[in-house]
Amino acid sequence: MYAAVRRYEGVTDSAEAARLVNEGFVPLMRQVSGFVAYYWIDAGGGVMVSTSVFQDRAGAEESILRAAAFVRDNLASLLPNPPEVVAGEVVASA
């Protein structure tokens, strides 16, 4: 399995960001080949984190591209700063 984690700082409205992600982005993630799971986390203090899990590297990479496009097209005013992105192979899980 592979995962992509994106950390957003400076979120201006976490409730609205969560609504838009749930209604618009989650369905996009489910369409990506190898989809396993997606999580959108409100870490507080204007920080939100997303985690996408896929069966293979291609799915994780596709999620990064789709996330960038979705943020640009739908969340730019709510997520004004580029995310810190980390991706790689899942080497332990429970």
Protein backbone atom coordinates (compact mmCIF):
# COMPACT_ATOMS: atom_id res chain seq x y z
CA MET A 1 0.00 0.00 0.00
CA TYR A 2 0.97 3.62 -0.53
CA ALA A 3 -0.17 6.78 1.21
CA ALA A 4 -0.09 10.49 0.50
CA VAL A 5 -0.33 12.99 3.35
CA ARG A 6 -1.00 16.68 2.75
CA ARG A 7 -0.75 19.25 5.58
CA TYR A 8 -2.45 22.61 5.06
CA GLU A 9 -1.72 25.64 7.28
CA GLY A 10 -3.61 28.92 7.42
CA VAL A 11 -7.03 27.38 6.79
CA THR A 12 -9.55 30.23 6.96
CA ASP A 13 -12.75 28.22 7.57
CA SER A 14 -12.26 24.60 8.62
CA ALA A 15 -15.98 23.75 8.71
CA GLU A 16 -16.55 24.97 5.15
CA ALA A 17 -13.37 23.26 3.94
CA ALA A 18 -14.57 20.00 5.51
CA ARG A 19 -17.98 20.33 3.86
CA LEU A 20 -16.49 20.94 0.42
CA VAL A 21 -13.96 18.12 0.78
CA ASN A 22 -16.63 15.68 1.93
CA GLU A 23 -19.09 16.62 -0.82
CA GLY A 24 -16.67 17.17 -3.70
CA PHE A 25 -13.26 15.65 -3.13
CA VAL A 26 -14.11 12.36 -1.40
CA PRO A 27 -16.12 11.16 -4.44
CA LEU A 28 -13.11 11.97 -6.65
CA MET A 29 -10.80 9.89 -4.44
CA ARG A 30 -13.16 6.91 -4.58
CA GLN A 31 -12.80 6.92 -8.38
CA VAL A 32 -9.00 6.56 -8.30
CA SER A 33 -7.82 3.04 -9.08
CA GLY A 34 -6.62 1.18 -6.00
CA PHE A 35 -8.45 3.43 -3.52
CA VAL A 36 -8.37 2.11 0.07
CA ALA A 37 -9.21 5.04 2.36
CA TYR A 38 -9.28 8.81 2.68
CA TYR A 39 -9.22 10.96 5.84
CA TRP A 40 -9.58 14.74 6.27
CA ILE A 41 -8.45 15.83 9.73
CA ASP A 42 -9.01 19.13 11.53
CA ALA A 43 -5.88 19.48 13.65
CA GLY A 44 -7.01 22.84 15.04
CA GLY A 45 -5.28 26.18 14.89
CA GLY A 46 -5.91 26.58 11.15
CA VAL A 47 -4.24 23.28 10.29
CA MET A 48 -5.93 20.50 8.33
CA VAL A 49 -4.37 17.24 7.17
CA SER A 50 -5.49 14.78 4.52
CA THR A 51 -4.38 11.18 4.21
CA SER A 52 -5.06 9.12 1.10
CA VAL A 53 -4.31 5.38 1.04
CA PHE A 54 -4.07 3.30 -2.14
CA GLN A 55 -3.04 -0.18 -3.17
CA ASP A 56 -0.23 1.15 -5.36
CA ARG A 57 2.06 4.11 -5.95
CA ALA A 58 0.14 5.21 -9.05
CA GLY A 59 -3.03 5.76 -7.01
CA ALA A 60 -1.20 7.80 -4.38
CA GLU A 61 0.42 9.93 -7.07
CA GLU A 62 -2.94 10.43 -8.79
CA SER A 63 -4.44 11.57 -5.48
CA ILE A 64 -1.77 14.26 -5.17
CA LEU A 65 -2.58 15.59 -8.65
CA ARG A 66 -6.33 15.51 -8.03
CA ALA A 67 -5.92 17.23 -4.66
CA ALA A 68 -3.91 20.07 -6.17
CA ALA A 69 -6.52 20.61 -8.89
CA PHE A 70 -9.44 20.42 -6.45
CA VAL A 71 -7.85 22.91 -4.06
CA ARG A 72 -7.02 25.26 -6.91
CA ASP A 73 -10.55 25.07 -8.37
CA ASN A 74 -12.65 24.87 -5.19
CA LEU A 75 -10.73 25.71 -2.01
CA ALA A 76 -8.18 28.39 -2.86
CA SER A 77 -9.77 31.00 -0.58
CA LEU A 78 -10.05 28.53 2.32
CA LEU A 79 -6.61 26.90 1.92
CA PRO A 80 -4.47 29.88 0.89
CA ASN A 81 -1.07 28.23 1.44
CA PRO A 82 0.42 25.35 -0.53
CA PRO A 83 0.42 22.10 1.42
CA GLU A 84 3.37 20.15 2.70
CA VAL A 85 3.09 16.83 0.81
CA VAL A 86 4.63 13.54 1.89
CA ALA A 87 4.04 10.26 0.09
CA GLY A 88 5.45 6.77 0.24
CA GLU A 89 5.01 3.09 0.83
CA VAL A 90 3.08 2.02 3.91
CA VAL A 91 5.50 -0.25 5.79
CA ALA A 92 3.39 -0.90 8.90
CA SER A 93 -0.33 -0.79 9.56
CA ALA A 94 -3.02 -2.04 11.92
